[in-house]
């Protein structure tokens, strides 16, 4: 337990320094970016451009949903991927409008579980001073 006279002496000093500490905290510049951090994956576009919609129509034109084979589904998926399109609500809408829903392709050529193979790896959080201290104490 702290002696009473110590608390009486320190309390006014602490009260005086509190506004300074909060002002310092507000003016602290942000930490520099972590060079090892992986940028977040870009979200798929909310809508396809007119050129992308036209490309979807061109890719799907030779096929009928009722006569689609697993090889056809693989080829369509490859063509869409080569055209820079990834599964998204906008692509699903465009394919449904063209008469060949994405779900039909997935039935014939299922997607593997987990993230797409070309997705960036999950971001590894940068070590913080607290985590470094915890590691050094072990």
N, C-alpha and C. Protein backbone atom coordinates (compact mmCIF):
# COMPACT_ATOMS: atom_id res chain seq x y z
N UNK A 1 0.84 -1.17 0.00
CA UNK A 1 0.00 0.00 0.00
C UNK A 1 0.89 1.24 0.00
N UNK A 2 0.48 2.24 -0.74
CA UNK A 2 1.25 3.47 -0.84
C UNK A 2 0.99 4.36 0.38
N UNK A 3 2.04 4.99 0.86
CA UNK A 3 1.84 5.93 1.97
C UNK A 3 0.95 7.10 1.54
N UNK A 4 0.19 7.61 2.43
CA UNK A 4 -0.76 8.68 2.15
C UNK A 4 -0.05 9.93 1.65
N UNK A 5 1.09 10.27 2.23
CA UNK A 5 1.78 11.49 1.80
C UNK A 5 2.28 11.36 0.36
N UNK A 6 2.62 10.14 -0.08
CA UNK A 6 3.06 9.94 -1.47
C UNK A 6 1.90 10.20 -2.44
N UNK A 7 0.72 9.70 -2.11
CA UNK A 7 -0.46 9.91 -2.94
C UNK A 7 -0.81 11.40 -2.98
N UNK A 8 -0.73 12.08 -1.85
CA UNK A 8 -1.05 13.51 -1.80
C UNK A 8 -0.09 14.33 -2.66
N UNK A 9 1.17 13.91 -2.73
CA UNK A 9 2.14 14.62 -3.55
C UNK A 9 1.97 14.32 -5.04
N UNK A 10 1.69 13.10 -5.37
CA UNK A 10 1.63 12.69 -6.79
C UNK A 10 0.31 13.03 -7.45
N UNK A 11 -0.76 13.05 -6.71
CA UNK A 11 -2.07 13.29 -7.30
C UNK A 11 -2.15 14.62 -8.04
N UNK A 12 -1.69 15.73 -7.49
CA UNK A 12 -1.75 17.00 -8.23
C UNK A 12 -0.91 16.96 -9.51
N UNK A 13 0.21 16.27 -9.49
CA UNK A 13 1.06 16.17 -10.68
C UNK A 13 0.34 15.37 -11.76
N UNK A 14 -0.26 14.27 -11.38
CA UNK A 14 -0.98 13.44 -12.35
C UNK A 14 -2.17 14.19 -12.96
N UNK A 15 -2.90 14.90 -12.13
CA UNK A 15 -4.04 15.66 -12.62
C UNK A 15 -3.59 16.73 -13.60
N UNK A 16 -2.43 17.33 -13.34
CA UNK A 16 -1.89 18.36 -14.24
C UNK A 16 -1.45 17.75 -15.56
N UNK A 17 -0.90 16.57 -15.54
CA UNK A 17 -0.37 15.93 -16.76
C UNK A 17 -1.44 15.26 -17.62
N UNK A 18 -2.58 14.95 -17.07
CA UNK A 18 -3.63 14.25 -17.82
C UNK A 18 -4.03 14.98 -19.10
N UNK A 19 -4.32 16.29 -19.08
CA UNK A 19 -4.67 16.97 -20.33
C UNK A 19 -3.53 16.94 -21.34
N UNK A 20 -2.31 17.00 -20.86
CA UNK A 20 -1.15 16.95 -21.77
C UNK A 20 -1.08 15.60 -22.46
N UNK A 21 -1.32 14.55 -21.71
CA UNK A 21 -1.24 13.20 -22.29
C UNK A 21 -2.31 13.01 -23.35
N UNK A 22 -3.53 13.48 -23.10
CA UNK A 22 -4.59 13.31 -24.10
C UNK A 22 -4.32 14.16 -25.33
N UNK A 23 -3.77 15.36 -25.14
CA UNK A 23 -3.43 16.20 -26.30
C UNK A 23 -2.34 15.55 -27.12
N UNK A 24 -1.36 14.95 -26.46
CA UNK A 24 -0.29 14.26 -27.17
C UNK A 24 -0.86 13.08 -27.96
N UNK A 25 -1.76 12.33 -27.35
CA UNK A 25 -2.33 11.16 -28.02
C UNK A 25 -3.12 11.57 -29.27
N UNK A 26 -3.78 12.72 -29.22
CA UNK A 26 -4.56 13.17 -30.38
C UNK A 26 -3.66 13.64 -31.51
N UNK A 27 -2.46 14.13 -31.20
CA UNK A 27 -1.57 14.66 -32.22
C UNK A 27 -0.52 13.65 -32.68
N UNK A 28 -0.60 12.42 -32.21
CA UNK A 28 0.36 11.40 -32.61
C UNK A 28 0.10 11.01 -34.05
N UNK A 29 1.13 11.00 -34.90
CA UNK A 29 0.91 10.60 -36.29
C UNK A 29 0.59 9.11 -36.37
N UNK A 30 -0.11 8.69 -37.41
CA UNK A 30 -0.45 7.27 -37.53
C UNK A 30 0.81 6.44 -37.74
N UNK A 31 0.74 5.20 -37.37
CA UNK A 31 1.87 4.29 -37.53
C UNK A 31 2.15 4.07 -39.01
N UNK A 32 3.39 3.87 -39.38
CA UNK A 32 3.70 3.62 -40.80
C UNK A 32 3.09 2.29 -41.23
N UNK A 33 2.78 2.14 -42.52
CA UNK A 33 2.17 0.89 -42.98
C UNK A 33 3.14 -0.26 -42.82
N UNK A 34 2.58 -1.42 -42.55
CA UNK A 34 3.38 -2.63 -42.41
C UNK A 34 3.70 -3.17 -43.80
N UNK A 35 4.99 -3.26 -44.17
CA UNK A 35 5.32 -3.73 -45.52
C UNK A 35 4.97 -5.20 -45.73
N UNK A 36 4.82 -5.97 -44.64
CA UNK A 36 4.50 -7.39 -44.79
C UNK A 36 3.00 -7.64 -44.87
N UNK A 37 2.20 -6.64 -44.58
CA UNK A 37 0.75 -6.83 -44.59
C UNK A 37 0.27 -6.99 -46.03
N UNK A 38 -0.68 -7.90 -46.21
CA UNK A 38 -1.25 -8.14 -47.53
C UNK A 38 -2.45 -7.23 -47.71
N UNK A 39 -2.52 -6.49 -48.82
CA UNK A 39 -3.67 -5.63 -49.02
C UNK A 39 -4.94 -6.47 -49.13
N UNK A 40 -6.07 -5.93 -48.70
CA UNK A 40 -7.31 -6.69 -48.80
C UNK A 40 -7.67 -6.97 -50.25
N UNK A 41 -8.28 -8.11 -50.45
CA UNK A 41 -8.70 -8.47 -51.81
C UNK A 41 -9.74 -7.47 -52.29
N UNK A 42 -9.63 -7.11 -53.54
CA UNK A 42 -10.59 -6.15 -54.06
C UNK A 42 -11.95 -6.83 -54.20
N UNK A 43 -12.96 -6.11 -53.83
CA UNK A 43 -14.31 -6.64 -53.91
C UNK A 43 -14.76 -6.69 -55.37
N UNK A 44 -15.57 -7.67 -55.72
CA UNK A 44 -16.06 -7.71 -57.09
C UNK A 44 -16.92 -6.49 -57.37
N UNK A 45 -16.96 -6.05 -58.62
CA UNK A 45 -17.74 -4.86 -58.93
C UNK A 45 -19.23 -5.10 -58.67
N UNK A 46 -19.93 -4.04 -58.33
CA UNK A 46 -21.36 -4.14 -58.05
C UNK A 46 -22.14 -4.41 -59.34
N UNK A 47 -21.61 -3.97 -60.47
CA UNK A 47 -22.28 -4.18 -61.76
C UNK A 47 -21.20 -4.39 -62.82
N UNK A 48 -21.56 -5.12 -63.85
CA UNK A 48 -20.63 -5.35 -64.96
C UNK A 48 -20.74 -4.20 -65.96
N UNK A 49 -19.64 -3.91 -66.60
CA UNK A 49 -19.65 -2.87 -67.64
C UNK A 49 -20.37 -3.41 -68.88
N UNK A 50 -20.68 -2.51 -69.79
CA UNK A 50 -21.35 -2.93 -71.04
C UNK A 50 -20.47 -3.91 -71.81
N UNK A 51 -19.16 -3.68 -71.82
CA UNK A 51 -18.24 -4.58 -72.52
C UNK A 51 -18.22 -5.96 -71.86
N UNK A 52 -18.26 -5.98 -70.53
CA UNK A 52 -18.28 -7.27 -69.82
C UNK A 52 -19.59 -8.01 -70.08
N UNK A 53 -20.71 -7.29 -70.08
CA UNK A 53 -21.99 -7.93 -70.37
C UNK A 53 -21.99 -8.53 -71.77
N UNK A 54 -21.42 -7.80 -72.74
CA UNK A 54 -21.32 -8.30 -74.10
C UNK A 54 -20.44 -9.55 -74.16
N UNK A 55 -19.35 -9.55 -73.41
CA UNK A 55 -18.44 -10.70 -73.39
C UNK A 55 -19.14 -11.92 -72.79
N UNK A 56 -19.93 -11.73 -71.74
CA UNK A 56 -20.68 -12.83 -71.14
C UNK A 56 -21.63 -13.42 -72.18
N UNK A 57 -22.33 -12.55 -72.91
CA UNK A 57 -23.26 -13.03 -73.94
C UNK A 57 -22.52 -13.81 -75.02
N UNK A 58 -21.34 -13.31 -75.44
CA UNK A 58 -20.56 -14.00 -76.47
C UNK A 58 -20.11 -15.38 -75.99
N UNK A 59 -19.67 -15.45 -74.75
CA UNK A 59 -19.19 -16.73 -74.21
C UNK A 59 -20.32 -17.73 -74.10
N UNK A 60 -21.50 -17.28 -73.67
CA UNK A 60 -22.62 -18.20 -73.41
C UNK A 60 -23.46 -18.50 -74.65
N UNK A 61 -23.32 -17.72 -75.72
CA UNK A 61 -24.17 -17.86 -76.91
C UNK A 61 -24.21 -19.27 -77.49
N UNK A 62 -23.09 -19.99 -77.60
CA UNK A 62 -23.14 -21.30 -78.23
C UNK A 62 -23.78 -22.40 -77.37
N UNK A 63 -24.11 -22.12 -76.14
CA UNK A 63 -24.55 -23.17 -75.22
C UNK A 63 -26.02 -23.04 -74.85
N UNK A 64 -26.64 -24.18 -74.58
CA UNK A 64 -28.01 -24.25 -74.05
C UNK A 64 -27.91 -24.92 -72.67
N UNK A 65 -28.59 -24.38 -71.70
CA UNK A 65 -28.53 -24.89 -70.33
C UNK A 65 -28.96 -26.36 -70.26
N UNK A 66 -29.93 -26.75 -71.06
CA UNK A 66 -30.44 -28.13 -71.01
C UNK A 66 -29.48 -29.14 -71.63
N UNK A 67 -28.54 -28.69 -72.46
CA UNK A 67 -27.63 -29.61 -73.14
C UNK A 67 -26.17 -29.41 -72.70
N UNK A 68 -25.96 -28.84 -71.55
CA UNK A 68 -24.62 -28.51 -71.08
C UNK A 68 -23.95 -29.73 -70.46
N UNK A 69 -22.68 -29.96 -70.79
CA UNK A 69 -21.91 -31.05 -70.21
C UNK A 69 -20.93 -30.49 -69.18
N UNK A 70 -20.30 -31.38 -68.41
CA UNK A 70 -19.29 -30.95 -67.43
C UNK A 70 -18.11 -30.28 -68.14
N UNK A 71 -17.73 -30.81 -69.32
CA UNK A 71 -16.63 -30.19 -70.07
C UNK A 71 -17.01 -28.79 -70.54
N UNK A 72 -18.27 -28.63 -70.96
CA UNK A 72 -18.75 -27.30 -71.37
C UNK A 72 -18.67 -26.32 -70.19
N UNK A 73 -19.10 -26.79 -69.01
CA UNK A 73 -19.08 -25.94 -67.82
C UNK A 73 -17.65 -25.51 -67.49
N UNK A 74 -16.70 -26.45 -67.57
CA UNK A 74 -15.29 -26.11 -67.30
C UNK A 74 -14.78 -25.09 -68.31
N UNK A 75 -15.14 -25.28 -69.58
CA UNK A 75 -14.70 -24.35 -70.62
C UNK A 75 -15.28 -22.95 -70.42
N UNK A 76 -16.56 -22.89 -70.09
CA UNK A 76 -17.21 -21.59 -69.85
C UNK A 76 -16.54 -20.88 -68.68
N UNK A 77 -16.32 -21.62 -67.59
CA UNK A 77 -15.67 -21.01 -66.42
C UNK A 77 -14.27 -20.50 -66.78
N UNK A 78 -13.53 -21.27 -67.56
CA UNK A 78 -12.19 -20.84 -67.96
C UNK A 78 -12.26 -19.59 -68.82
N UNK A 79 -13.22 -19.55 -69.76
CA UNK A 79 -13.36 -18.38 -70.63
C UNK A 79 -13.73 -17.14 -69.81
N UNK A 80 -14.62 -17.29 -68.85
CA UNK A 80 -14.99 -16.16 -68.00
C UNK A 80 -13.80 -15.69 -67.18
N UNK A 81 -13.05 -16.64 -66.63
CA UNK A 81 -11.86 -16.28 -65.84
C UNK A 81 -10.82 -15.59 -66.72
N UNK A 82 -10.62 -16.12 -67.94
CA UNK A 82 -9.66 -15.49 -68.86
C UNK A 82 -10.10 -14.08 -69.26
N UNK A 83 -11.40 -13.84 -69.24
CA UNK A 83 -11.93 -12.50 -69.56
C UNK A 83 -11.86 -11.57 -68.35
N UNK A 84 -11.31 -12.08 -67.23
CA UNK A 84 -11.15 -11.24 -66.04
C UNK A 84 -12.36 -11.20 -65.13
N UNK A 85 -13.29 -12.12 -65.31
CA UNK A 85 -14.51 -12.12 -64.48
C UNK A 85 -14.42 -13.21 -63.43
N UNK A 86 -14.87 -12.87 -62.23
CA UNK A 86 -14.90 -13.81 -61.13
C UNK A 86 -16.32 -13.92 -60.64
N UNK A 87 -16.65 -15.02 -59.96
CA UNK A 87 -18.02 -15.16 -59.45
C UNK A 87 -18.41 -13.97 -58.58
N UNK A 88 -19.54 -13.40 -58.89
CA UNK A 88 -20.06 -12.26 -58.13
C UNK A 88 -21.56 -12.19 -58.39
N UNK A 89 -22.27 -11.45 -57.56
CA UNK A 89 -23.71 -11.29 -57.82
C UNK A 89 -23.98 -10.67 -59.19
N UNK A 90 -23.14 -9.74 -59.63
CA UNK A 90 -23.34 -9.11 -60.93
C UNK A 90 -23.17 -10.12 -62.07
N UNK A 91 -22.17 -10.98 -61.94
CA UNK A 91 -21.97 -12.01 -62.97
C UNK A 91 -23.11 -13.01 -62.96
N UNK A 92 -23.57 -13.39 -61.78
CA UNK A 92 -24.71 -14.31 -61.68
C UNK A 92 -25.94 -13.72 -62.37
N UNK A 93 -26.19 -12.43 -62.15
CA UNK A 93 -27.35 -11.78 -62.78
C UNK A 93 -27.20 -11.78 -64.30
N UNK A 94 -26.00 -11.47 -64.78
CA UNK A 94 -25.78 -11.42 -66.23
C UNK A 94 -25.96 -12.80 -66.86
N UNK A 95 -25.46 -13.83 -66.18
CA UNK A 95 -25.59 -15.19 -66.71
C UNK A 95 -27.04 -15.65 -66.69
N UNK A 96 -27.75 -15.31 -65.62
CA UNK A 96 -29.17 -15.68 -65.53
C UNK A 96 -29.96 -15.01 -66.65
N UNK A 97 -29.64 -13.73 -66.92
CA UNK A 97 -30.32 -13.00 -68.00
C UNK A 97 -30.00 -13.61 -69.36
N UNK A 98 -28.79 -14.19 -69.49
CA UNK A 98 -28.41 -14.82 -70.76
C UNK A 98 -28.96 -16.23 -70.89
N UNK A 99 -29.64 -16.73 -69.85
CA UNK A 99 -30.28 -18.04 -69.92
C UNK A 99 -29.45 -19.19 -69.40
N UNK A 100 -28.33 -18.90 -68.76
CA UNK A 100 -27.50 -19.99 -68.22
C UNK A 100 -27.01 -19.58 -66.83
N UNK A 101 -27.76 -19.95 -65.79
CA UNK A 101 -27.39 -19.53 -64.43
C UNK A 101 -26.05 -20.13 -63.99
N UNK A 102 -25.32 -19.39 -63.21
CA UNK A 102 -24.03 -19.84 -62.68
C UNK A 102 -24.20 -21.11 -61.85
N UNK A 103 -25.34 -21.26 -61.19
CA UNK A 103 -25.58 -22.45 -60.38
C UNK A 103 -25.55 -23.71 -61.24
N UNK A 104 -26.00 -23.61 -62.49
CA UNK A 104 -25.98 -24.74 -63.41
C UNK A 104 -24.54 -25.16 -63.69
N UNK A 105 -23.66 -24.17 -63.88
CA UNK A 105 -22.24 -24.48 -64.10
C UNK A 105 -21.65 -25.14 -62.86
N UNK A 106 -22.02 -24.65 -61.67
CA UNK A 106 -21.49 -25.21 -60.44
C UNK A 106 -22.00 -26.63 -60.18
N UNK A 107 -23.20 -26.95 -60.67
CA UNK A 107 -23.71 -28.31 -60.54
C UNK A 107 -22.86 -29.28 -61.38
N UNK A 108 -22.51 -28.85 -62.59
CA UNK A 108 -21.75 -29.71 -63.49
C UNK A 108 -20.25 -29.70 -63.18
N UNK A 109 -19.73 -28.59 -62.72
CA UNK A 109 -18.31 -28.45 -62.39
C UNK A 109 -18.21 -27.71 -61.06
N UNK A 110 -18.36 -28.46 -59.93
CA UNK A 110 -18.39 -27.80 -58.61
C UNK A 110 -17.09 -27.06 -58.31
N UNK A 111 -17.25 -25.94 -57.60
CA UNK A 111 -16.09 -25.18 -57.14
C UNK A 111 -15.48 -25.92 -55.96
N UNK A 112 -14.13 -25.92 -55.87
CA UNK A 112 -13.52 -26.54 -54.69
C UNK A 112 -13.84 -25.72 -53.45
N UNK A 113 -13.88 -26.35 -52.27
CA UNK A 113 -14.17 -25.59 -51.06
C UNK A 113 -13.03 -24.62 -50.75
N UNK A 114 -13.36 -23.56 -50.05
CA UNK A 114 -12.36 -22.58 -49.65
C UNK A 114 -12.28 -21.43 -50.63
N UNK A 115 -11.28 -20.56 -50.44
CA UNK A 115 -11.14 -19.39 -51.32
C UNK A 115 -10.68 -19.81 -52.71
N UNK A 116 -10.94 -18.98 -53.72
CA UNK A 116 -10.48 -19.30 -55.06
C UNK A 116 -8.96 -19.45 -55.09
N UNK A 117 -8.42 -20.27 -56.00
CA UNK A 117 -6.98 -20.50 -56.02
C UNK A 117 -6.16 -19.24 -56.28
N UNK A 118 -6.72 -18.25 -56.95
CA UNK A 118 -5.96 -17.03 -57.24
C UNK A 118 -6.20 -15.94 -56.20
N UNK A 119 -6.91 -16.27 -55.12
CA UNK A 119 -7.16 -15.28 -54.06
C UNK A 119 -5.88 -15.04 -53.27
N UNK A 120 -5.65 -13.80 -52.82
CA UNK A 120 -4.44 -13.55 -52.03
C UNK A 120 -4.53 -14.25 -50.69
N UNK A 121 -3.39 -14.60 -50.09
CA UNK A 121 -3.42 -15.26 -48.79
C UNK A 121 -4.00 -14.32 -47.73
N UNK A 122 -4.50 -14.93 -46.68
CA UNK A 122 -5.08 -14.13 -45.60
C UNK A 122 -4.01 -13.22 -45.02
N UNK A 123 -4.41 -12.01 -44.68
CA UNK A 123 -3.46 -11.03 -44.14
C UNK A 123 -2.98 -11.48 -42.77
N UNK A 124 -1.69 -11.36 -42.54
CA UNK A 124 -1.11 -11.68 -41.24
C UNK A 124 -0.99 -10.37 -40.50
N UNK A 125 -1.58 -10.28 -39.30
CA UNK A 125 -1.51 -9.01 -38.58
C UNK A 125 -0.07 -8.69 -38.20
N UNK A 126 0.23 -7.41 -38.24
CA UNK A 126 1.57 -6.95 -37.88
C UNK A 126 1.76 -7.10 -36.38
N UNK A 127 2.97 -7.46 -35.95
CA UNK A 127 3.20 -7.57 -34.51
C UNK A 127 3.09 -6.20 -33.84
N UNK A 128 2.46 -6.20 -32.70
CA UNK A 128 2.31 -4.97 -31.92
C UNK A 128 3.36 -4.96 -30.81
N UNK A 129 3.64 -3.81 -30.24
CA UNK A 129 4.60 -3.79 -29.12
C UNK A 129 4.18 -4.72 -27.99
N UNK A 130 2.87 -4.81 -27.73
CA UNK A 130 2.40 -5.68 -26.65
C UNK A 130 2.67 -7.14 -26.98
N UNK A 131 2.43 -7.55 -28.26
CA UNK A 131 2.67 -8.94 -28.62
C UNK A 131 4.16 -9.25 -28.63
N UNK A 132 5.00 -8.28 -29.02
CA UNK A 132 6.45 -8.48 -28.98
C UNK A 132 6.91 -8.67 -27.53
N UNK A 133 6.35 -7.87 -26.64
CA UNK A 133 6.73 -7.98 -25.23
C UNK A 133 6.30 -9.32 -24.66
N UNK A 134 5.12 -9.79 -25.06
CA UNK A 134 4.63 -11.08 -24.57
C UNK A 134 5.52 -12.20 -25.05
N UNK A 135 5.99 -12.11 -26.29
CA UNK A 135 6.86 -13.15 -26.84
C UNK A 135 8.22 -13.12 -26.14
N UNK A 136 8.74 -11.93 -25.86
CA UNK A 136 10.06 -11.83 -25.24
C UNK A 136 10.03 -12.33 -23.79
N UNK A 137 8.87 -12.31 -23.14
CA UNK A 137 8.77 -12.78 -21.76
C UNK A 137 8.74 -14.29 -21.67
N UNK A 138 8.47 -14.97 -22.77
CA UNK A 138 8.36 -16.44 -22.73
C UNK A 138 9.68 -17.10 -22.56
